[in-house]
Amino acid sequence: MSPRQPEGEPLPGAGELPHQVLAPAPDGQERPFSVYLHVPYCRVRCGYCDFNTYTNLDMGGGASASDYVSTLAGELRLARAAMDRAGLAPRPARTLFLGGGTPTMLPASDLARMVALVRETWGLAEDAEVTTEANPETVDERYLAALAQAGFTRVSFGMQSAAAHVLRVLDRTHTPERVPLVVDWARRAGLSTSLDLIYGTPGESLEDWARSLDAAIQTGPDHVSAYALVIEEGTRMWAQVRRGELPVPEDDDEATKYEMADAALAAAGYAWYEISNWAREGHECRHNRVYWLDGDWYGAGPGAHSHFGDVRMWGTKAPVAWAAQVAAGRLPVAGHEVVDARARELERVMLGIRLREGIALADLARAGEQTTRDATPRRLVPVVAQMVADGLLEAAPALRGRAVLTLRGRLMAGAVTSRLVD
C-alpha cells in the first residue's frame, strides 16, 4: 500500500475493465476471490511508514472518517457493476481484510457496516476469514467483542517491539504492557490473534529483539509476523538517517535477528509457512495466501490495489479525490496494467518461493522444452543441484521436482528467484 504507485493507464469510460480480467489461472482452476478495504486514518504517522495514511480525520468532501463507510459503499457498488459488465461471475469473498492506516480508529459499528457491505455486494463464504488490523491502544474488551459479533474472525495487532525505546524510535503510541491485555480480550471474544513484529530498528540490540520475541510468545497469539525494517525514501525516518541522526540498519544484524525469530518461534510451536510469517496449525493467514497464490481480489479505499486475471489496478490515492470520483459515479481507479507472460512467470516464482511448500519446477517448463520424468525443465537440473549444494534449497523436495527454501535460502530468496527464472 505504498503511496508511490506504478505507471499505468486509466480505465476508459466510468471504469470499464479490460477483457484480460477474465484470463484463466495457469492451472485452469477458478481463482479464489477476496476483498481488501483500506482505512487511511491513523492517530500518529509512524516515522518509518510510507503507506497511504493520514492523521486528519476531517478532510471533508466525503473523505472524512465520519463519511468513510458511506463513500466506501459507493465504491463497492461501482466495483460490482464494473465486474458484472466485464463478465466476471459473482463469487462470494473467501476472505476480507481491513488494513490501513488503523481501521480501529473508526467505531466498531463502522467496521461492522463494512463487513455487511461486502456481504451485500458479493457475499461472504460460509467459512470466510474476516480480519482487521488494530493498534493496541485503539481497542478495548467491549470493542473486540463487538467485532466478533459483527462477523470478524481474526485481529492482527501491531506490537512491533517489547522495548519501550524501540517503540519510541518507531513513533508507536502503545506501551508494551498493553499487548497481552488486548490479545487476552480478543481471545475471550473468540477471535484468532496475530502479532506484527519489526526487527532492525536503529538502536535495537540483540537482547532487545530476544526480549520482544519472548514477550510475543508468552502472550500466546495464534500467528506471528516478523518483518525487517525497511527505511523507505521520503519517510521521516529516511530523513533522520540522511541527517545522520539514526544509523542505517545492517544486513548482518537483520539476518541474525531473523534466525533468532525462526528458532524461537519454532521452539514455541509456530511453523513458518511464508518467509515472514509463522503460525500455530490451522491459523495461517488465508487472506495473504490469496496474494501469494495468484488469486483475484478487489481493493477498495484510497490507493488500494486490485487484481483480476492478468490485470492489476490501483486506486486514486488522495482521499478527497477518491471520494469525488465515487460521488461522480466513476470507479476510482487511478491506473491499471496488463501483466505479460514474462512478468507473470517472475511474479509466480518470486511469491511462490516464499511459501513453505515452495514451487513446482514443472511450472517453469516452456513450450517444447525437454523435461525430466517429474517434468522439471532439464535446463534447471544443474541450477537446482547447485542451490541444494549451496544450502539454499532442501534436497528431498528437489528430488521430487519442488524448490523449497532452507533457512539460508529464505535469507537469499531474491537470489534464488533470479537463478530459477534466469
Protein backbone atom coordinates (compact mmCIF):
# COMPACT_ATOMS: atom_id res chain seq x y z
CA MET A 1 0.00 0.00 0.00
CA SER A 2 2.90 2.37 -0.63
CA PRO A 3 1.70 5.77 -1.91
CA ARG A 4 4.23 5.55 -4.75
CA GLN A 5 2.07 3.99 -7.43
CA PRO A 6 3.19 2.31 -10.66
CA GLU A 7 2.80 3.90 -14.06
CA GLY A 8 -0.27 2.74 -15.94
CA GLU A 9 -3.26 3.74 -18.00
CA PRO A 10 -6.59 4.93 -16.58
CA LEU A 11 -9.66 2.80 -17.22
CA PRO A 12 -11.89 4.01 -20.07
CA GLY A 13 -15.37 5.40 -19.50
CA ALA A 14 -16.69 5.35 -15.97
CA GLY A 15 -14.43 2.41 -15.16
CA GLU A 16 -14.62 -0.29 -17.85
CA LEU A 17 -12.47 -3.31 -17.03
CA PRO A 18 -10.30 -4.75 -19.85
CA HIS A 19 -11.10 -8.22 -21.17
CA GLN A 20 -7.85 -9.58 -19.67
CA VAL A 21 -9.56 -9.65 -16.26
CA LEU A 22 -11.08 -12.92 -17.48
CA ALA A 23 -7.69 -14.61 -18.10
CA PRO A 24 -7.74 -18.08 -16.50
CA ALA A 25 -5.31 -19.20 -13.83
CA PRO A 26 -2.30 -21.18 -15.16
CA ASP A 27 -3.75 -24.40 -13.75
CA GLY A 28 -7.16 -23.73 -15.27
CA GLN A 29 -8.85 -23.58 -11.87
CA GLU A 30 -11.09 -20.74 -10.74
CA ARG A 31 -9.11 -18.18 -8.80
CA PRO A 32 -10.27 -17.54 -5.23
CA PHE A 33 -11.78 -14.09 -4.68
CA SER A 34 -11.07 -11.83 -1.72
CA VAL A 35 -11.71 -8.23 -0.69
CA TYR A 36 -9.35 -5.69 0.89
CA LEU A 37 -10.68 -2.46 2.43
CA HIS A 38 -8.18 0.31 3.07
CA VAL A 39 -8.89 2.63 6.02
CA PRO A 40 -6.41 5.52 5.68
CA TYR A 41 -6.68 7.11 9.14
CA CYS A 42 -4.03 6.98 11.88
CA ARG A 43 -3.63 8.66 15.24
CA VAL A 44 0.07 9.28 14.54
CA ARG A 45 2.02 8.74 11.33
CA CYS A 46 4.95 6.50 12.27
CA GLY A 47 8.36 7.67 11.10
CA TYR A 48 9.09 4.52 9.09
CA CYS A 49 5.66 4.29 7.43
CA ASP A 50 5.21 5.03 3.72
CA PHE A 51 1.65 3.67 3.46
CA ASN A 52 -1.21 5.86 2.26
CA THR A 53 -2.26 7.15 5.69
CA TYR A 54 -3.46 10.45 7.18
CA THR A 55 -3.85 11.85 10.68
CA ASN A 56 -6.51 14.35 9.55
CA LEU A 57 -9.86 12.67 10.22
CA ASP A 58 -11.91 15.62 8.94
CA MET A 59 -10.86 16.12 5.30
CA GLY A 60 -14.39 16.87 4.07
CA GLY A 61 -15.81 16.10 0.65
CA GLY A 62 -16.85 12.59 1.62
CA ALA A 63 -13.32 11.71 2.76
CA SER A 64 -13.71 12.37 6.48
CA ALA A 65 -13.71 9.47 8.91
CA SER A 66 -17.38 10.13 9.66
CA ASP A 67 -18.26 9.79 5.93
CA TYR A 68 -15.87 6.99 5.08
CA VAL A 69 -18.19 3.99 5.18
CA SER A 70 -20.83 5.74 3.06
CA THR A 71 -18.26 6.64 0.41
CA LEU A 72 -16.83 3.14 0.56
CA ALA A 73 -20.33 1.74 -0.05
CA GLY A 74 -20.49 3.82 -3.23
CA GLU A 75 -17.19 2.42 -4.47
CA LEU A 76 -18.28 -1.17 -3.81
CA ARG A 77 -21.47 -0.62 -5.83
CA LEU A 78 -19.41 0.76 -8.72
CA ALA A 79 -16.95 -2.12 -8.50
CA ARG A 80 -19.66 -4.77 -8.58
CA ALA A 81 -21.29 -3.09 -11.59
CA ALA A 82 -17.96 -2.90 -13.45
CA MET A 83 -17.26 -6.56 -12.73
CA ASP A 84 -20.71 -7.55 -13.97
CA ARG A 85 -20.22 -5.60 -17.22
CA ALA A 86 -16.87 -7.31 -17.75
CA GLY A 87 -18.39 -10.75 -17.35
CA LEU A 88 -16.71 -11.58 -14.06
CA ALA A 89 -19.05 -14.07 -12.45
CA PRO A 90 -20.02 -13.02 -8.92
CA ARG A 91 -18.25 -15.09 -6.28
CA PRO A 92 -18.54 -14.89 -2.52
CA ALA A 93 -15.40 -13.50 -0.93
CA ARG A 94 -13.37 -16.20 0.80
CA THR A 95 -11.50 -13.64 2.87
CA LEU A 96 -11.95 -10.00 3.86
CA PHE A 97 -9.13 -7.88 5.27
CA LEU A 98 -9.34 -4.36 6.71
CA GLY A 99 -5.95 -2.64 6.69
CA GLY A 100 -4.55 0.82 6.82
CA GLY A 101 -3.83 3.03 8.41
CA THR A 102 -5.59 1.92 11.56
CA PRO A 103 -9.10 0.59 10.85
CA THR A 104 -9.86 0.58 14.58
CA MET A 105 -9.64 4.38 14.62
CA LEU A 106 -13.25 4.09 13.47
CA PRO A 107 -16.10 2.95 15.74
CA ALA A 108 -16.70 -0.79 15.86
CA SER A 109 -20.12 -0.14 14.32
CA ASP A 110 -18.40 1.26 11.21
CA LEU A 111 -16.28 -1.87 10.85
CA ALA A 112 -19.44 -3.95 11.25
CA ARG A 113 -21.04 -1.95 8.41
CA MET A 114 -18.04 -2.72 6.18
CA VAL A 115 -18.49 -6.44 6.71
CA ALA A 116 -22.19 -6.06 5.92
CA LEU A 117 -21.39 -4.09 2.75
CA VAL A 118 -19.11 -6.83 1.42
CA ARG A 119 -21.73 -9.44 2.27
CA GLU A 120 -24.38 -7.41 0.38
CA THR A 121 -22.12 -6.71 -2.61
CA TRP A 122 -20.55 -10.10 -3.27
CA GLY A 123 -21.48 -12.35 -0.39
CA LEU A 124 -19.11 -13.91 2.11
CA ALA A 125 -18.20 -17.59 2.04
CA GLU A 126 -19.68 -19.54 4.94
CA ASP A 127 -16.22 -20.09 6.44
CA ALA A 128 -14.80 -16.70 5.40
CA GLU A 129 -11.78 -15.36 7.23
CA VAL A 130 -12.52 -11.75 8.25
CA THR A 131 -9.55 -9.79 9.64
CA THR A 132 -8.85 -6.28 10.82
CA GLU A 133 -5.57 -4.69 11.73
CA ALA A 134 -5.54 -2.86 15.06
CA ASN A 135 -3.31 -0.66 17.16
CA PRO A 136 -3.35 -1.97 20.76
CA GLU A 137 -4.29 1.47 22.08
CA THR A 138 -7.39 1.82 19.88
CA VAL A 139 -9.40 -1.17 21.17
CA ASP A 140 -10.77 -2.42 24.46
CA GLU A 141 -12.64 -5.53 25.57
CA ARG A 142 -16.04 -4.20 24.52
CA TYR A 143 -14.75 -3.10 21.09
CA LEU A 144 -13.27 -6.54 20.38
CA ALA A 145 -16.45 -8.30 21.48
CA ALA A 146 -18.38 -6.07 19.04
CA LEU A 147 -16.04 -7.10 16.21
CA ALA A 148 -16.65 -10.77 16.92
CA GLN A 149 -20.40 -10.13 16.99
CA ALA A 150 -20.14 -8.40 13.59
CA GLY A 151 -18.53 -11.43 11.95
CA PHE A 152 -14.81 -10.78 12.34
CA THR A 153 -12.83 -13.95 12.94
CA ARG A 154 -9.34 -12.56 13.34
CA VAL A 155 -7.46 -9.45 14.53
CA SER A 156 -3.85 -8.50 13.81
CA PHE A 157 -2.21 -6.26 16.40
CA GLY A 158 0.78 -4.05 15.64
CA MET A 159 3.09 -4.97 18.52
CA GLN A 160 6.39 -4.19 16.74
CA SER A 161 8.58 -4.47 19.86
CA ALA A 162 8.54 -5.07 23.61
CA ALA A 163 11.31 -2.50 24.16
CA ALA A 164 9.92 0.94 25.00
CA HIS A 165 12.91 2.78 23.49
CA VAL A 166 12.46 0.89 20.19
CA LEU A 167 8.77 1.84 20.10
CA ARG A 168 9.76 5.47 20.59
CA VAL A 169 12.14 5.34 17.61
CA LEU A 170 9.32 3.84 15.55
CA ASP A 171 6.87 6.52 16.79
CA ARG A 172 4.49 3.85 18.10
CA THR A 173 1.97 5.15 20.61
CA HIS A 174 1.20 2.00 22.61
CA THR A 175 3.06 0.61 25.61
CA PRO A 176 4.46 -2.94 25.70
CA GLU A 177 2.18 -3.76 28.64
CA ARG A 178 -0.93 -3.16 26.51
CA VAL A 179 -0.30 -6.05 24.09
CA PRO A 180 -1.03 -9.01 26.42
CA LEU A 181 -4.26 -7.30 27.51
CA VAL A 182 -5.67 -6.88 24.01
CA VAL A 183 -4.67 -10.39 22.95
CA ASP A 184 -6.43 -11.81 26.02
CA TRP A 185 -9.56 -9.73 25.33
CA ALA A 186 -9.60 -10.86 21.70
CA ARG A 187 -9.20 -14.47 22.74
CA ARG A 188 -12.13 -14.16 25.16
CA ALA A 189 -14.24 -12.77 22.31
CA GLY A 190 -13.43 -15.83 20.22
CA LEU A 191 -11.12 -14.05 17.77
CA SER A 192 -7.96 -15.58 16.33
CA THR A 193 -4.98 -13.31 17.06
CA SER A 194 -1.83 -12.25 15.26
CA LEU A 195 1.07 -10.03 16.34
CA ASP A 196 3.22 -8.00 13.95
CA LEU A 197 6.87 -7.51 14.92
CA ILE A 198 9.59 -5.37 13.33
CA TYR A 199 13.30 -6.08 13.71
CA GLY A 200 16.32 -3.99 12.76
CA THR A 201 15.16 -0.68 14.24
CA PRO A 202 18.10 1.68 14.85
CA GLY A 203 19.24 1.21 18.44
CA GLU A 204 17.65 -2.23 18.83
CA SER A 205 20.13 -4.69 20.39
CA LEU A 206 20.04 -8.45 20.06
CA GLU A 207 18.87 -8.54 23.67
CA ASP A 208 16.00 -6.15 22.84
CA TRP A 209 14.92 -8.41 19.99
CA ALA A 210 15.18 -11.55 22.10
CA ARG A 211 13.01 -9.87 24.74
CA SER A 212 10.43 -8.91 22.09
CA LEU A 213 10.28 -12.47 20.77
CA ASP A 214 9.89 -13.86 24.28
CA ALA A 215 7.14 -11.34 25.09
CA ALA A 216 5.25 -12.18 21.91
CA ILE A 217 5.49 -15.92 22.55
CA GLN A 218 4.44 -15.55 26.19
CA THR A 219 1.40 -13.58 25.06
CA GLY A 220 0.32 -16.65 23.12
CA PRO A 221 -1.05 -15.38 19.78
CA ASP A 222 -2.12 -17.82 17.09
CA HIS A 223 0.06 -16.17 14.45
CA VAL A 224 3.22 -14.03 14.36
CA SER A 225 4.61 -11.90 11.54
CA ALA A 226 8.16 -10.56 11.74
CA TYR A 227 9.41 -8.05 9.20
CA ALA A 228 12.82 -6.48 8.72
CA LEU A 229 12.68 -2.70 8.95
CA VAL A 230 12.97 -1.09 5.53
CA ILE A 231 13.63 2.65 5.55
CA GLU A 232 11.65 3.98 2.61
CA GLU A 233 12.65 7.13 0.77
CA GLY A 234 10.55 10.13 1.76
CA THR A 235 9.65 8.93 5.26
CA ARG A 236 10.60 10.85 8.39
CA MET A 237 12.99 8.07 9.39
CA TRP A 238 14.67 8.25 5.97
CA ALA A 239 15.30 11.97 6.60
CA GLN A 240 16.71 11.17 10.06
CA VAL A 241 19.11 8.65 8.55
CA ARG A 242 20.20 11.11 5.86
CA ARG A 243 20.95 13.71 8.54
CA GLY A 244 22.98 11.18 10.50
CA GLU A 245 20.57 11.16 13.44
CA LEU A 246 19.90 7.42 13.06
CA PRO A 247 22.15 4.65 11.73
CA VAL A 248 21.24 2.58 8.68
CA PRO A 249 20.02 -0.95 9.57
CA GLU A 250 22.74 -3.54 8.91
CA ASP A 251 22.05 -6.60 6.77
CA ASP A 252 24.02 -8.94 9.02
CA ASP A 253 22.18 -7.70 12.10
CA GLU A 254 18.80 -8.26 10.44
CA ALA A 255 19.84 -11.73 9.22
CA THR A 256 20.86 -12.70 12.75
CA LYS A 257 17.57 -11.42 14.12
CA TYR A 258 15.62 -13.38 11.50
CA GLU A 259 17.43 -16.57 12.51
CA MET A 260 16.66 -15.79 16.17
CA ALA A 261 12.97 -15.35 15.33
CA ASP A 262 12.76 -18.60 13.40
CA ALA A 263 14.46 -20.59 16.17
CA ALA A 264 12.41 -19.08 19.00
CA LEU A 265 9.07 -19.38 17.21
CA ALA A 266 9.73 -22.93 16.05
CA ALA A 267 10.63 -23.97 19.60
CA ALA A 268 7.34 -22.45 20.79
CA GLY A 269 5.24 -24.42 18.28
CA TYR A 270 4.91 -21.88 15.47
CA ALA A 271 5.67 -23.24 12.00
CA TRP A 272 6.90 -20.95 9.25
CA TYR A 273 4.61 -21.01 6.22
CA GLU A 274 5.89 -17.88 4.46
CA ILE A 275 9.24 -16.17 4.89
CA SER A 276 7.94 -13.53 7.31
CA ASN A 277 5.06 -15.49 8.86
CA TRP A 278 4.71 -18.23 11.46
CA ALA A 279 1.50 -19.80 12.80
CA ARG A 280 0.10 -22.49 15.00
CA GLU A 281 -1.53 -25.25 12.97
CA GLY A 282 -4.69 -24.06 11.24
CA HIS A 283 -4.04 -20.35 11.87
CA GLU A 284 -2.19 -19.32 8.70
CA CYS A 285 -3.47 -16.06 7.21
CA ARG A 286 -5.69 -17.22 4.36
CA HIS A 287 -6.08 -13.69 3.00
CA ASN A 288 -2.37 -13.24 2.39
CA ARG A 289 -2.21 -16.63 0.67
CA VAL A 290 -4.63 -15.24 -1.92
CA TYR A 291 -1.98 -12.63 -2.79
CA TRP A 292 0.87 -15.14 -2.85
CA LEU A 293 -1.02 -17.75 -4.90
CA ASP A 294 -2.28 -15.51 -7.71
CA GLY A 295 -5.87 -15.13 -6.57
CA ASP A 296 -8.29 -12.35 -7.50
CA TRP A 297 -9.16 -9.54 -5.15
CA TYR A 298 -10.79 -6.15 -5.17
CA GLY A 299 -9.16 -3.44 -3.07
CA ALA A 300 -11.40 -0.52 -2.09
CA GLY A 301 -10.45 2.76 -0.49
CA PRO A 302 -7.85 5.44 -1.34
CA GLY A 303 -4.83 3.92 -3.08
CA ALA A 304 -5.94 0.29 -2.69
CA HIS A 305 -4.71 -2.25 -5.25
CA SER A 306 -6.79 -4.88 -7.06
CA HIS A 307 -6.00 -7.91 -9.21
CA PHE A 308 -8.14 -9.85 -11.67
CA GLY A 309 -6.79 -12.32 -14.23
CA ASP A 310 -3.86 -10.62 -15.96
CA VAL A 311 -4.82 -7.12 -14.79
CA ARG A 312 -3.55 -5.07 -11.87
CA MET A 313 -5.28 -1.85 -10.81
CA TRP A 314 -4.59 0.78 -8.17
CA GLY A 315 -7.00 3.29 -6.72
CA THR A 316 -6.87 7.07 -6.59
CA LYS A 317 -4.55 7.89 -3.71
CA ALA A 318 -5.75 11.22 -2.30
CA PRO A 319 -8.85 10.62 -0.16
CA VAL A 320 -10.72 13.77 -1.28
CA ALA A 321 -10.10 12.98 -4.97
CA TRP A 322 -11.09 9.35 -4.36
CA ALA A 323 -14.36 10.43 -2.74
CA ALA A 324 -15.09 12.92 -5.54
CA GLN A 325 -14.75 10.21 -8.19
CA VAL A 326 -17.10 7.93 -6.28
CA ALA A 327 -19.63 10.75 -5.94
CA ALA A 328 -19.40 11.33 -9.71
CA GLY A 329 -20.19 7.67 -10.39
CA ARG A 330 -16.72 6.81 -11.63
CA LEU A 331 -14.80 3.79 -10.37
CA PRO A 332 -11.86 5.43 -8.52
CA VAL A 333 -9.06 3.59 -10.31
CA ALA A 334 -6.02 5.77 -10.99
CA GLY A 335 -4.36 3.30 -13.34
CA HIS A 336 -4.05 -0.28 -14.50
CA GLU A 337 -1.64 -2.56 -16.31
CA VAL A 338 -1.92 -5.86 -18.16
CA VAL A 339 0.78 -8.25 -16.97
CA ASP A 340 2.66 -10.05 -19.74
CA ALA A 341 3.75 -13.70 -19.62
CA ARG A 342 7.35 -12.96 -18.63
CA ALA A 343 6.37 -10.70 -15.73
CA ARG A 344 3.78 -13.23 -14.59
CA GLU A 345 6.38 -16.03 -14.51
CA LEU A 346 8.76 -13.88 -12.47
CA GLU A 347 5.98 -12.92 -10.06
CA ARG A 348 4.79 -16.51 -9.68
CA VAL A 349 8.30 -17.66 -8.75
CA MET A 350 9.04 -14.64 -6.56
CA LEU A 351 5.88 -15.12 -4.49
CA GLY A 352 5.65 -18.91 -4.60
CA ILE A 353 9.22 -19.49 -3.47
CA ARG A 354 8.46 -17.59 -0.26
CA LEU A 355 5.97 -20.26 0.82
CA ARG A 356 6.75 -23.37 2.87
CA GLU A 357 5.52 -25.63 0.06
CA GLY A 358 7.73 -23.83 -2.46
CA ILE A 359 7.04 -24.11 -6.17
CA ALA A 360 6.73 -26.98 -8.62
CA LEU A 361 9.63 -26.79 -11.06
CA ALA A 362 7.30 -28.17 -13.73
CA ASP A 363 5.51 -24.82 -13.64
CA LEU A 364 8.63 -23.25 -15.14
CA ALA A 365 8.64 -25.51 -18.21
CA ARG A 366 8.25 -23.71 -21.54
CA ALA A 367 6.54 -24.97 -24.67
CA GLY A 368 8.52 -27.77 -26.33
CA GLU A 369 11.21 -27.77 -23.65
CA GLN A 370 12.87 -31.05 -22.63
CA THR A 371 11.93 -32.16 -19.13
CA THR A 372 12.84 -34.91 -16.70
CA ARG A 373 10.49 -37.68 -15.53
CA ASP A 374 9.00 -35.38 -12.86
CA ALA A 375 8.53 -32.63 -15.52
CA THR A 376 11.41 -30.49 -14.23
CA PRO A 377 12.91 -28.50 -17.14
CA ARG A 378 16.30 -30.07 -17.94
CA ARG A 379 17.94 -26.63 -18.04
CA LEU A 380 17.07 -26.25 -14.34
CA VAL A 381 18.51 -29.58 -13.15
CA PRO A 382 22.09 -28.31 -12.68
CA VAL A 383 20.83 -24.99 -11.31
CA VAL A 384 18.73 -26.71 -8.66
CA ALA A 385 21.50 -29.19 -7.84
CA GLN A 386 23.94 -26.33 -7.25
CA MET A 387 21.48 -24.49 -4.99
CA VAL A 388 20.96 -27.68 -2.98
CA ALA A 389 24.75 -27.96 -2.64
CA ASP A 390 24.91 -24.31 -1.60
CA GLY A 391 22.34 -24.94 1.14
CA LEU A 392 19.67 -22.73 -0.43
CA LEU A 393 17.12 -25.43 -1.34
CA GLU A 394 16.01 -28.51 0.58
CA ALA A 395 17.33 -31.71 -1.00
CA ALA A 396 14.36 -34.05 -0.57
CA PRO A 397 11.74 -31.78 -2.24
CA ALA A 398 14.20 -31.03 -5.06
CA LEU A 399 14.32 -34.75 -5.89
CA ARG A 400 10.53 -34.66 -6.22
CA GLY A 401 10.58 -31.64 -8.52
CA ARG A 402 9.89 -28.86 -6.00
CA ALA A 403 12.01 -25.89 -4.97
CA VAL A 404 11.67 -25.33 -1.21
CA LEU A 405 13.85 -22.84 0.63
CA THR A 406 16.12 -23.75 3.52
CA LEU A 407 16.64 -21.27 6.35
CA ARG A 408 19.67 -19.91 4.47
CA GLY A 409 17.62 -19.81 1.31
CA ARG A 410 14.96 -17.70 3.00
CA LEU A 411 17.62 -15.09 3.69
CA MET A 412 18.56 -15.11 -0.01
CA ALA A 413 15.14 -15.58 -1.61
CA GLY A 414 15.75 -12.85 -4.18
CA ALA A 415 18.90 -14.57 -5.45
CA VAL A 416 17.11 -17.94 -5.63
CA THR A 417 14.30 -16.36 -7.66
CA SER A 418 16.77 -14.83 -10.10
CA ARG A 419 18.61 -18.12 -10.64
CA LEU A 420 15.41 -20.06 -11.27
CA VAL A 421 13.99 -17.51 -13.71
CA ASP A 422 17.19 -16.51 -15.50
